[in-house]
Amino acid sequence: MSRDSKYCGVDEHKILGASPTFVEGRSETFTHYINERCAIQKRRYDHLSPPWTEDRVLRDYRFTNISRKDDRVSKWFIKNIAEESSLTTRYKFYNTLVFRAFNKIETAESLNLPFTVSTIKDLRNLIDEMRSRGYNKHFGTAYFQSGLKGAWKTDEDTSKRMVDMLEWVIDNGYYRKIKDTKNQKECFEMIKEIPGFADFMAYQVFVDLTYIPEFPFTDTEFTVSGPGCNKGIDALFESKDGMTYEECIFWIRDNQDEFNLCKTVSVMDIENCFCEFSKYVGIQLNPKKRMRKFN
C-alpha cells in the first residue's frame, strides 16, 4: 500500500489558487504535442506503416513516449528487475542503481543483470570480458553521466567505478536508509546523498524504484523539474503566478481537463513531456536546431 504524501514538496494551496497565463498559442501546441505523440505510439504498436504522423517535427525527430515507463529502456528494467519475482526488494534496489548508472540495455545484459548476493562479485570480471570482446561503450547517451563518473575516481576504468559505488552503497546501509524514509522527498534526498547522484539522476532512480511493486511510494505525488523540463515550462507559461516549476507541473496535473488531452497524465508524465516539449518548440522556432533525427 502506498505511503505517498499528497502534493509532496510543493504548496498545495498555492497551486489550487494559482491563475497562470500561457504564451499565445502554446497551450494548443502543448495539447497537440501530447495527443499526436500518443497517436504515433498507438499507430506504431498497431504495426501500421510509416509515416505515423503528418507533423513534420514529430515525424523526422526522436521524442520519448509520453509515459516514461513505455520507453524501451524502462520496459527492460521493469520486466527484468522491478517485477522480477525471484529478486528480493533489497537486490532490486541495488540493481536499480547499477542499471540506471549505465542506462543501457546491452550493458545490463552483458553484466547478467539482475545480479544477486552470489553473483555481485562477478561484475568486475564481466566488465573485463566485455572489453576483451571489444565492447567499450558501456554507458547510454540519454543522460549526462559525467557527474556520476567523476564522483567515483576509484578506478581508471569508469565502468568499474560503478561497482565501487555499489559496494559503497551496500557498506553504508543505504537500502535500510531508503526503506526508512517517511515520504517521497525524503527518499529522493537520501538517494542524493550517494556521491554522483545529483537532482536529475536521483529523481530518475526514485522513479525507477516506484516501478517496484513492494516500494512504498509512487511517482504520482512527487516530481523534480530538471533543466529540460524547466525550458518546456517556460515555453508554455507566460506567467506562473508565483509557482515554482514543480508547482506548475502539479497545476497542469490538476487542470489537465482544460487541455483536452487524450489520456490522463501523472506528474511524472508531465515532467517527462515538458523536456520533450521544449525540444519540439525549439525545432519549430529554429528548423536548423541540432537534434537527433528519427531513422
C-alpha atoms as a PDB file:
ATOM      1  CA  MET A   1       0.000   0.000   0.000  1.00  0.00           C
ATOM      2  CA  SER A   2       1.357   3.423  -0.996  1.00  0.00           C
ATOM      3  CA  ARG A   3       2.628   5.775   1.699  1.00  0.00           C
ATOM      4  CA  ASP A   4       2.595   8.768  -0.645  1.00  0.00           C
ATOM      5  CA  SER A   5       2.336  12.250   0.825  1.00  0.00           C
ATOM      6  CA  LYS A   6      -0.044  14.299  -1.331  1.00  0.00           C
ATOM      7  CA  TYR A   7       1.496  17.300  -3.077  1.00  0.00           C
ATOM      8  CA  CYS A   8       4.861  16.251  -1.701  1.00  0.00           C
ATOM      9  CA  GLY A   9       7.440  19.046  -1.820  1.00  0.00           C
ATOM     10  CA  VAL A  10       5.056  21.688  -3.195  1.00  0.00           C
ATOM     11  CA  ASP A  11       2.499  24.174  -1.825  1.00  0.00           C
ATOM     12  CA  GLU A  12      -0.951  22.695  -2.448  1.00  0.00           C
ATOM     13  CA  HIS A  13      -2.804  25.921  -1.575  1.00  0.00           C
ATOM     14  CA  LYS A  14      -0.664  27.983  -3.935  1.00  0.00           C
ATOM     15  CA  ILE A  15      -1.337  25.502  -6.753  1.00  0.00           C
ATOM     16  CA  LEU A  16      -5.089  25.406  -6.128  1.00  0.00           C
ATOM     17  CA  GLY A  17      -5.299  29.212  -6.040  1.00  0.00           C
ATOM     18  CA  ALA A  18      -2.981  29.958  -8.979  1.00  0.00           C
ATOM     19  CA  SER A  19      -4.156  31.584 -12.226  1.00  0.00           C
ATOM     20  CA  PRO A  20      -1.226  31.250 -14.622  1.00  0.00           C
ATOM     21  CA  THR A  21      -1.243  32.523 -18.188  1.00  0.00           C
ATOM     22  CA  PHE A  22       0.253  30.974 -21.301  1.00  0.00           C
ATOM     23  CA  VAL A  23       2.266  32.186 -24.243  1.00  0.00           C
ATOM     24  CA  GLU A  24      -0.176  32.870 -27.080  1.00  0.00           C
ATOM     25  CA  GLY A  25      -0.977  29.674 -28.970  1.00  0.00           C
ATOM     26  CA  ARG A  26       1.246  27.487 -26.820  1.00  0.00           C
ATOM     27  CA  SER A  27      -1.499  25.734 -24.836  1.00  0.00           C
ATOM     28  CA  GLU A  28      -2.881  24.462 -28.146  1.00  0.00           C
ATOM     29  CA  THR A  29       0.636  23.415 -29.162  1.00  0.00           C
ATOM     30  CA  PHE A  30       1.088  21.593 -25.853  1.00  0.00           C
ATOM     31  CA  THR A  31      -2.185  19.706 -26.361  1.00  0.00           C
ATOM     32  CA  HIS A  32      -1.234  18.844 -29.937  1.00  0.00           C
ATOM     33  CA  TYR A  33       2.195  17.585 -28.894  1.00  0.00           C
ATOM     34  CA  ILE A  34       0.841  15.190 -26.257  1.00  0.00           C
ATOM     35  CA  ASN A  35      -2.136  13.946 -28.276  1.00  0.00           C
ATOM     36  CA  GLU A  36      -0.198  13.452 -31.501  1.00  0.00           C
ATOM     37  CA  ARG A  37       2.711  11.749 -29.726  1.00  0.00           C
ATOM     38  CA  CYS A  38       0.204   9.330 -28.144  1.00  0.00           C
ATOM     39  CA  ALA A  39      -1.352   8.701 -31.561  1.00  0.00           C
ATOM     40  CA  ILE A  40       2.061   7.945 -33.079  1.00  0.00           C
ATOM     41  CA  GLN A  41       2.795   5.454 -30.326  1.00  0.00           C
ATOM     42  CA  LYS A  42      -0.531   3.668 -30.927  1.00  0.00           C
ATOM     43  CA  ARG A  43      -0.009   3.530 -34.699  1.00  0.00           C
ATOM     44  CA  ARG A  44       3.424   2.008 -34.187  1.00  0.00           C
ATOM     45  CA  TYR A  45       2.124  -0.554 -31.678  1.00  0.00           C
ATOM     46  CA  ASP A  46      -0.665  -1.423 -34.143  1.00  0.00           C
ATOM     47  CA  HIS A  47       2.069  -2.162 -36.725  1.00  0.00           C
ATOM     48  CA  LEU A  48       0.816   0.441 -39.178  1.00  0.00           C
ATOM     49  CA  SER A  49       3.225   1.520 -41.888  1.00  0.00           C
ATOM     50  CA  PRO A  50       5.055   4.857 -41.510  1.00  0.00           C
ATOM     51  CA  PRO A  51       4.806   7.750 -41.684  1.00  0.00           C
ATOM     52  CA  TRP A  52       2.747   7.687 -38.485  1.00  0.00           C
ATOM     53  CA  THR A  53       2.047  11.436 -38.482  1.00  0.00           C
ATOM     54  CA  GLU A  54       1.802  14.417 -40.769  1.00  0.00           C
ATOM     55  CA  ASP A  55       3.559  16.569 -38.177  1.00  0.00           C
ATOM     56  CA  ARG A  56       6.979  17.145 -39.747  1.00  0.00           C
ATOM     57  CA  VAL A  57       8.789  17.636 -36.447  1.00  0.00           C
ATOM     58  CA  LEU A  58       7.327  14.540 -34.779  1.00  0.00           C
ATOM     59  CA  ARG A  59       7.864  12.553 -37.969  1.00  0.00           C
ATOM     60  CA  ASP A  60      11.509  13.480 -38.521  1.00  0.00           C
ATOM     61  CA  TYR A  61      12.934  13.764 -34.989  1.00  0.00           C
ATOM     62  CA  ARG A  62      13.183  11.459 -31.999  1.00  0.00           C
ATOM     63  CA  PHE A  63      10.985  12.085 -28.956  1.00  0.00           C
ATOM     64  CA  THR A  64      10.312   9.903 -25.935  1.00  0.00           C
ATOM     65  CA  ASN A  65       6.889   8.433 -25.247  1.00  0.00           C
ATOM     66  CA  ILE A  66       4.533  10.447 -23.071  1.00  0.00           C
ATOM     67  CA  SER A  67       4.847   7.938 -20.225  1.00  0.00           C
ATOM     68  CA  ARG A  68       8.443   7.136 -19.295  1.00  0.00           C
ATOM     69  CA  LYS A  69       7.559   3.537 -18.440  1.00  0.00           C
ATOM     70  CA  ASP A  70       6.645   2.951 -22.104  1.00  0.00           C
ATOM     71  CA  ASP A  71      10.182   3.634 -23.316  1.00  0.00           C
ATOM     72  CA  ARG A  72      12.369   0.695 -24.326  1.00  0.00           C
ATOM     73  CA  VAL A  73      14.920   1.052 -21.520  1.00  0.00           C
ATOM     74  CA  SER A  74      12.277   1.421 -18.815  1.00  0.00           C
ATOM     75  CA  LYS A  75      10.369  -1.592 -20.157  1.00  0.00           C
ATOM     76  CA  TRP A  76      13.506  -3.720 -19.896  1.00  0.00           C
ATOM     77  CA  PHE A  77      14.097  -2.515 -16.343  1.00  0.00           C
ATOM     78  CA  ILE A  78      10.512  -3.187 -15.255  1.00  0.00           C
ATOM     79  CA  LYS A  79      10.430  -6.690 -16.713  1.00  0.00           C
ATOM     80  CA  ASN A  80      13.900  -7.836 -15.676  1.00  0.00           C
ATOM     81  CA  ILE A  81      14.440  -6.056 -12.358  1.00  0.00           C
ATOM     82  CA  ALA A  82      11.451  -4.222 -10.877  1.00  0.00           C
ATOM     83  CA  GLU A  83       8.971  -7.071 -11.373  1.00  0.00           C
ATOM     84  CA  GLU A  84      11.421  -9.998 -11.157  1.00  0.00           C
ATOM     85  CA  SER A  85       9.762 -12.173  -8.521  1.00  0.00           C
ATOM     86  CA  SER A  86      12.907 -14.166  -7.689  1.00  0.00           C
ATOM     87  CA  LEU A  87      14.730 -10.991  -6.617  1.00  0.00           C
ATOM     88  CA  THR A  88      14.483  -9.592  -3.090  1.00  0.00           C
ATOM     89  CA  THR A  89      13.479  -5.964  -2.672  1.00  0.00           C
ATOM     90  CA  ARG A  90      16.960  -5.224  -1.335  1.00  0.00           C
ATOM     91  CA  TYR A  91      18.599  -6.516  -4.501  1.00  0.00           C
ATOM     92  CA  LYS A  92      16.033  -4.804  -6.701  1.00  0.00           C
ATOM     93  CA  PHE A  93      17.275  -1.565  -5.122  1.00  0.00           C
ATOM     94  CA  TYR A  94      20.950  -2.414  -5.710  1.00  0.00           C
ATOM     95  CA  ASN A  95      20.264  -3.481  -9.311  1.00  0.00           C
ATOM     96  CA  THR A  96      18.332  -0.269  -9.912  1.00  0.00           C
ATOM     97  CA  LEU A  97      21.368   1.830  -9.045  1.00  0.00           C
ATOM     98  CA  VAL A  98      23.700  -0.135 -11.298  1.00  0.00           C
ATOM     99  CA  PHE A  99      21.202  -0.337 -14.160  1.00  0.00           C
ATOM    100  CA  ARG A 100      20.495   3.407 -14.157  1.00  0.00           C
ATOM    101  CA  ALA A 101      24.173   4.275 -13.714  1.00  0.00           C
ATOM    102  CA  PHE A 102      24.898   2.629 -17.067  1.00  0.00           C
ATOM    103  CA  ASN A 103      21.433   3.313 -18.544  1.00  0.00           C
ATOM    104  CA  LYS A 104      21.965   0.856 -21.386  1.00  0.00           C
ATOM    105  CA  ILE A 105      20.208  -2.454 -22.025  1.00  0.00           C
ATOM    106  CA  GLU A 106      23.174  -4.000 -23.844  1.00  0.00           C
ATOM    107  CA  THR A 107      25.432  -3.343 -20.850  1.00  0.00           C
ATOM    108  CA  ALA A 108      22.828  -4.673 -18.415  1.00  0.00           C
ATOM    109  CA  GLU A 109      22.554  -7.887 -20.399  1.00  0.00           C
ATOM    110  CA  SER A 110      26.347  -8.228 -20.665  1.00  0.00           C
ATOM    111  CA  LEU A 111      26.562  -7.840 -16.876  1.00  0.00           C
ATOM    112  CA  ASN A 112      23.900 -10.548 -16.477  1.00  0.00           C
ATOM    113  CA  LEU A 113      21.646  -8.201 -14.544  1.00  0.00           C
ATOM    114  CA  PRO A 114      19.957  -8.682 -12.257  1.00  0.00           C
ATOM    115  CA  PHE A 115      22.843  -9.751 -10.021  1.00  0.00           C
ATOM    116  CA  THR A 116      22.239 -11.391  -6.657  1.00  0.00           C
ATOM    117  CA  VAL A 117      24.218 -11.730  -3.467  1.00  0.00           C
ATOM    118  CA  SER A 118      26.062 -14.694  -5.025  1.00  0.00           C
ATOM    119  CA  THR A 119      26.842 -13.025  -8.365  1.00  0.00           C
ATOM    120  CA  ILE A 120      27.692  -9.458  -7.348  1.00  0.00           C
ATOM    121  CA  LYS A 121      31.363 -10.414  -7.111  1.00  0.00           C
ATOM    122  CA  ASP A 122      31.346 -11.290 -10.836  1.00  0.00           C
ATOM    123  CA  LEU A 123      30.617  -7.746 -12.079  1.00  0.00           C
ATOM    124  CA  ARG A 124      34.236  -6.619 -12.463  1.00  0.00           C
ATOM    125  CA  ASN A 125      35.188  -9.804 -14.320  1.00  0.00           C
ATOM    126  CA  LEU A 126      32.210  -9.337 -16.650  1.00  0.00           C
ATOM    127  CA  ILE A 127      33.377  -5.795 -17.414  1.00  0.00           C
ATOM    128  CA  ASP A 128      36.808  -7.201 -18.314  1.00  0.00           C
ATOM    129  CA  GLU A 129      35.151  -9.790 -20.546  1.00  0.00           C
ATOM    130  CA  MET A 130      33.152  -7.100 -22.321  1.00  0.00           C
ATOM    131  CA  ARG A 131      36.296  -5.106 -23.024  1.00  0.00           C
ATOM    132  CA  SER A 132      38.097  -8.208 -24.285  1.00  0.00           C
ATOM    133  CA  ARG A 133      35.301  -8.617 -26.836  1.00  0.00           C
ATOM    134  CA  GLY A 134      35.795  -5.017 -27.960  1.00  0.00           C
ATOM    135  CA  TYR A 135      32.648  -3.721 -26.239  1.00  0.00           C
ATOM    136  CA  ASN A 136      33.690  -0.408 -24.695  1.00  0.00           C
ATOM    137  CA  LYS A 137      30.615   1.838 -24.891  1.00  0.00           C
ATOM    138  CA  HIS A 138      29.084   0.770 -21.603  1.00  0.00           C
ATOM    139  CA  PHE A 139      27.112   3.945 -20.841  1.00  0.00           C
ATOM    140  CA  GLY A 140      23.938   5.079 -22.558  1.00  0.00           C
ATOM    141  CA  THR A 141      23.695   8.537 -24.097  1.00  0.00           C
ATOM    142  CA  ALA A 142      20.203   9.603 -22.974  1.00  0.00           C
ATOM    143  CA  TYR A 143      21.502  11.132 -19.715  1.00  0.00           C
ATOM    144  CA  PHE A 144      24.570  13.173 -18.863  1.00  0.00           C
ATOM    145  CA  GLN A 145      26.536  10.908 -16.520  1.00  0.00           C
ATOM    146  CA  SER A 146      29.793  12.830 -16.246  1.00  0.00           C
ATOM    147  CA  GLY A 147      28.959  13.819 -12.658  1.00  0.00           C
ATOM    148  CA  LEU A 148      28.440  10.210 -11.623  1.00  0.00           C
ATOM    149  CA  LYS A 149      31.626   9.051 -13.331  1.00  0.00           C
ATOM    150  CA  GLY A 150      33.595  11.938 -11.847  1.00  0.00           C
ATOM    151  CA  ALA A 151      32.333  11.376  -8.333  1.00  0.00           C
ATOM    152  CA  TRP A 152      33.975   7.953  -8.282  1.00  0.00           C
ATOM    153  CA  LYS A 153      37.637   8.204  -9.234  1.00  0.00           C
ATOM    154  CA  THR A 154      38.440   4.917  -7.562  1.00  0.00           C
ATOM    155  CA  ASP A 155      39.478   3.087 -10.727  1.00  0.00           C
ATOM    156  CA  GLU A 156      40.908   4.008 -14.131  1.00  0.00           C
ATOM    157  CA  ASP A 157      38.042   2.028 -15.660  1.00  0.00           C
ATOM    158  CA  THR A 158      34.933   4.204 -15.338  1.00  0.00           C
ATOM    159  CA  SER A 159      32.676   1.151 -15.601  1.00  0.00           C
ATOM    160  CA  LYS A 160      34.325  -0.492 -12.593  1.00  0.00           C
ATOM    161  CA  ARG A 161      33.760   2.740 -10.679  1.00  0.00           C
ATOM    162  CA  MET A 162      30.042   1.903 -10.787  1.00  0.00           C
ATOM    163  CA  VAL A 163      30.813  -1.357  -8.974  1.00  0.00           C
ATOM    164  CA  ASP A 164      32.772   0.641  -6.396  1.00  0.00           C
ATOM    165  CA  MET A 165      29.705   2.862  -6.000  1.00  0.00           C
ATOM    166  CA  LEU A 166      27.514  -0.189  -5.456  1.00  0.00           C
ATOM    167  CA  GLU A 167      29.815  -1.603  -2.795  1.00  0.00           C
ATOM    168  CA  TRP A 168      29.890   1.757  -1.008  1.00  0.00           C
ATOM    169  CA  VAL A 169      26.083   1.888  -1.015  1.00  0.00           C
ATOM    170  CA  ILE A 170      25.895  -1.601   0.468  1.00  0.00           C
ATOM    171  CA  ASP A 171      28.589  -0.936   3.081  1.00  0.00           C
ATOM    172  CA  ASN A 172      26.862   2.274   4.191  1.00  0.00           C
ATOM    173  CA  GLY A 173      23.435   0.707   4.641  1.00  0.00           C
ATOM    174  CA  TYR A 174      21.550   2.717   2.015  1.00  0.00           C
ATOM    175  CA  TYR A 175      18.884   0.104   1.434  1.00  0.00           C
ATOM    176  CA  ARG A 176      17.769   0.463   5.038  1.00  0.00           C
ATOM    177  CA  LYS A 177      18.072   4.250   4.882  1.00  0.00           C
ATOM    178  CA  ILE A 178      15.852   4.379   1.781  1.00  0.00           C
ATOM    179  CA  LYS A 179      13.376   1.930   3.305  1.00  0.00           C
ATOM    180  CA  ASP A 180      13.029   4.073   6.441  1.00  0.00           C
ATOM    181  CA  THR A 181      12.293   7.371   4.656  1.00  0.00           C
ATOM    182  CA  LYS A 182       8.930   8.882   5.561  1.00  0.00           C
ATOM    183  CA  ASN A 183       7.902  10.465   2.251  1.00  0.00           C
ATOM    184  CA  GLN A 184       8.893  10.788  -1.382  1.00  0.00           C
ATOM    185  CA  LYS A 185      11.001  13.927  -0.994  1.00  0.00           C
ATOM    186  CA  GLU A 186      12.936  12.414   1.895  1.00  0.00           C
ATOM    187  CA  CYS A 187      13.578   9.326  -0.228  1.00  0.00           C
ATOM    188  CA  PHE A 188      14.806  11.484  -3.105  1.00  0.00           C
ATOM    189  CA  GLU A 189      17.107  13.423  -0.778  1.00  0.00           C
ATOM    190  CA  MET A 190      18.515  10.169   0.591  1.00  0.00           C
ATOM    191  CA  ILE A 191      19.363   8.984  -2.920  1.00  0.00           C
ATOM    192  CA  LYS A 192      21.107  12.328  -3.483  1.00  0.00           C
ATOM    193  CA  GLU A 193      23.441  11.517  -0.600  1.00  0.00           C
ATOM    194  CA  ILE A 194      25.061   8.853  -2.779  1.00  0.00           C
ATOM    195  CA  PRO A 195      28.045  10.572  -4.464  1.00  0.00           C
ATOM    196  CA  GLY A 196      27.326  11.369  -8.096  1.00  0.00           C
ATOM    197  CA  PHE A 197      23.545  11.247  -7.846  1.00  0.00           C
ATOM    198  CA  ALA A 198      22.565  14.903  -8.184  1.00  0.00           C
ATOM    199  CA  ASP A 199      18.980  16.104  -8.688  1.00  0.00           C
ATOM    200  CA  PHE A 200      18.407  14.651 -12.145  1.00  0.00           C
ATOM    201  CA  MET A 201      19.881  11.184 -11.611  1.00  0.00           C
ATOM    202  CA  ALA A 202      18.444  10.901  -8.100  1.00  0.00           C
ATOM    203  CA  TYR A 203      14.969  11.599  -9.451  1.00  0.00           C
ATOM    204  CA  GLN A 204      15.389   9.044 -12.239  1.00  0.00           C
ATOM    205  CA  VAL A 205      16.383   6.427  -9.669  1.00  0.00           C
ATOM    206  CA  PHE A 206      13.439   7.409  -7.460  1.00  0.00           C
ATOM    207  CA  VAL A 207      11.058   6.909 -10.401  1.00  0.00           C
ATOM    208  CA  ASP A 208      12.617   3.536 -11.188  1.00  0.00           C
ATOM    209  CA  LEU A 209      12.080   2.473  -7.588  1.00  0.00           C
ATOM    210  CA  THR A 210       8.374   3.342  -7.882  1.00  0.00           C
ATOM    211  CA  TYR A 211       8.070   0.627 -10.549  1.00  0.00           C
ATOM    212  CA  ILE A 212       8.959  -1.982  -7.908  1.00  0.00           C
ATOM    213  CA  PRO A 213       5.644  -3.380  -6.583  1.00  0.00           C
ATOM    214  CA  GLU A 214       6.929  -3.565  -2.995  1.00  0.00           C
ATOM    215  CA  PHE A 215       8.207   0.023  -2.961  1.00  0.00           C
ATOM    216  CA  PRO A 216       6.098   2.203  -0.624  1.00  0.00           C
ATOM    217  CA  PHE A 217       5.927   5.299  -2.875  1.00  0.00           C
ATOM    218  CA  THR A 218       4.639   6.064  -6.384  1.00  0.00           C
ATOM    219  CA  ASP A 219       5.596   8.715  -8.946  1.00  0.00           C
ATOM    220  CA  THR A 220       2.157  10.387  -8.825  1.00  0.00           C
ATOM    221  CA  GLU A 221       2.589  12.880  -5.963  1.00  0.00           C
ATOM    222  CA  PHE A 222       6.210  13.992  -6.259  1.00  0.00           C
ATOM    223  CA  THR A 223       8.346  15.381  -9.059  1.00  0.00           C
ATOM    224  CA  VAL A 224      11.601  17.219  -9.669  1.00  0.00           C
ATOM    225  CA  SER A 225      11.791  19.565 -12.643  1.00  0.00           C
ATOM    226  CA  GLY A 226      15.089  19.142 -14.476  1.00  0.00           C
ATOM    227  CA  PRO A 227      16.733  21.751 -16.740  1.00  0.00           C
ATOM    228  CA  GLY A 228      14.987  20.487 -19.882  1.00  0.00           C
ATOM    229  CA  CYS A 229      11.640  20.425 -18.116  1.00  0.00           C
ATOM    230  CA  ASN A 230      12.197  23.998 -16.898  1.00  0.00           C
ATOM    231  CA  LYS A 231      12.714  25.089 -20.506  1.00  0.00           C
ATOM    232  CA  GLY A 232       9.484  23.409 -21.531  1.00  0.00           C
ATOM    233  CA  ILE A 233       7.543  25.094 -18.736  1.00  0.00           C
ATOM    234  CA  ASP A 234       8.994  28.461 -19.730  1.00  0.00           C
ATOM    235  CA  ALA A 235       7.968  27.769 -23.329  1.00  0.00           C
ATOM    236  CA  LEU A 236       4.340  27.263 -22.236  1.00  0.00           C
ATOM    237  CA  PHE A 237       3.801  29.630 -19.305  1.00  0.00           C
ATOM    238  CA  GLU A 238       3.833  33.387 -19.813  1.00  0.00           C
ATOM    239  CA  SER A 239       3.184  33.861 -16.084  1.00  0.00           C
ATOM    240  CA  LYS A 240       3.485  31.152 -13.451  1.00  0.00           C
ATOM    241  CA  ASP A 241       1.611  33.302 -10.921  1.00  0.00           C
ATOM    242  CA  GLY A 242       4.292  32.737  -8.301  1.00  0.00           C
ATOM    243  CA  MET A 243       4.501  28.966  -8.673  1.00  0.00           C
ATOM    244  CA  THR A 244       7.757  27.027  -8.757  1.00  0.00           C
ATOM    245  CA  TYR A 245       8.495  24.783 -11.724  1.00  0.00           C
ATOM    246  CA  GLU A 246       7.346  21.742  -9.754  1.00  0.00           C
ATOM    247  CA  GLU A 247       4.143  23.528  -8.749  1.00  0.00           C
ATOM    248  CA  CYS A 248       3.480  24.293 -12.426  1.00  0.00           C
ATOM    249  CA  ILE A 249       3.672  20.557 -13.113  1.00  0.00           C
ATOM    250  CA  PHE A 250       1.114  19.849 -10.391  1.00  0.00           C
ATOM    251  CA  TRP A 251      -1.080  22.668 -11.729  1.00  0.00           C
ATOM    252  CA  ILE A 252      -1.115  21.009 -15.157  1.00  0.00           C
ATOM    253  CA  ARG A 253      -1.912  17.670 -13.491  1.00  0.00           C
ATOM    254  CA  ASP A 254      -4.829  19.184 -11.592  1.00  0.00           C
ATOM    255  CA  ASN A 255      -6.171  21.141 -14.572  1.00  0.00           C
ATOM    256  CA  GLN A 256      -5.448  18.759 -17.431  1.00  0.00           C
ATOM    257  CA  ASP A 257      -9.107  18.652 -18.481  1.00  0.00           C
ATOM    258  CA  GLU A 258      -8.656  22.208 -19.765  1.00  0.00           C
ATOM    259  CA  PHE A 259      -6.148  20.909 -22.321  1.00  0.00           C
ATOM    260  CA  ASN A 260      -8.392  18.199 -23.813  1.00  0.00           C
ATOM    261  CA  LEU A 261      -5.663  15.590 -23.516  1.00  0.00           C
ATOM    262  CA  CYS A 262      -6.193  12.116 -24.952  1.00  0.00           C
ATOM    263  CA  LYS A 263      -5.030  10.416 -21.748  1.00  0.00           C
ATOM    264  CA  THR A 264      -4.692  11.122 -18.056  1.00  0.00           C
ATOM    265  CA  VAL A 265      -1.142  12.219 -17.263  1.00  0.00           C
ATOM    266  CA  SER A 266       0.704  11.985 -13.952  1.00  0.00           C
ATOM    267  CA  VAL A 267       3.217  14.499 -12.626  1.00  0.00           C
ATOM    268  CA  MET A 268       5.993  12.182 -13.858  1.00  0.00           C
ATOM    269  CA  ASP A 269       4.432  12.074 -17.340  1.00  0.00           C
ATOM    270  CA  ILE A 270       4.189  15.867 -17.366  1.00  0.00           C
ATOM    271  CA  GLU A 271       7.789  16.338 -16.232  1.00  0.00           C
ATOM    272  CA  ASN A 272       8.855  13.961 -18.994  1.00  0.00           C
ATOM    273  CA  CYS A 273       6.684  15.761 -21.569  1.00  0.00           C
ATOM    274  CA  PHE A 274       7.921  19.248 -20.771  1.00  0.00           C
ATOM    275  CA  CYS A 275      11.517  18.271 -21.508  1.00  0.00           C
ATOM    276  CA  GLU A 276      10.453  16.975 -24.930  1.00  0.00           C
ATOM    277  CA  PHE A 277       8.043  19.882 -25.470  1.00  0.00           C
ATOM    278  CA  SER A 278      10.945  22.327 -25.149  1.00  0.00           C
ATOM    279  CA  LYS A 279      12.701  20.473 -27.990  1.00  0.00           C
ATOM    280  CA  TYR A 280       9.520  20.418 -30.065  1.00  0.00           C
ATOM    281  CA  VAL A 281       9.002  24.169 -29.736  1.00  0.00           C
ATOM    282  CA  GLY A 282      12.715  24.791 -30.294  1.00  0.00           C
ATOM    283  CA  ILE A 283      12.675  22.996 -33.662  1.00  0.00           C
ATOM    284  CA  GLN A 284       9.529  24.847 -34.708  1.00  0.00           C
ATOM    285  CA  LEU A 285      11.246  28.156 -33.960  1.00  0.00           C
ATOM    286  CA  ASN A 286      14.586  27.097 -35.437  1.00  0.00           C
ATOM    287  CA  PRO A 287      14.338  24.311 -38.054  1.00  0.00           C
ATOM    288  CA  LYS A 288      18.157  24.157 -38.168  1.00  0.00           C
ATOM    289  CA  LYS A 289      18.359  23.285 -34.463  1.00  0.00           C
ATOM    290  CA  ARG A 290      20.558  20.243 -33.901  1.00  0.00           C
ATOM    291  CA  MET A 291      18.636  17.246 -32.589  1.00  0.00           C
ATOM    292  CA  ARG A 292      18.764  13.501 -33.137  1.00  0.00           C
ATOM    293  CA  LYS A 293      16.656  12.559 -36.154  1.00  0.00           C
ATOM    294  CA  PHE A 294      14.400   9.552 -36.425  1.00  0.00           C
ATOM    295  CA  ASN A 295      15.707   6.910 -38.812  1.00  0.00           C
END
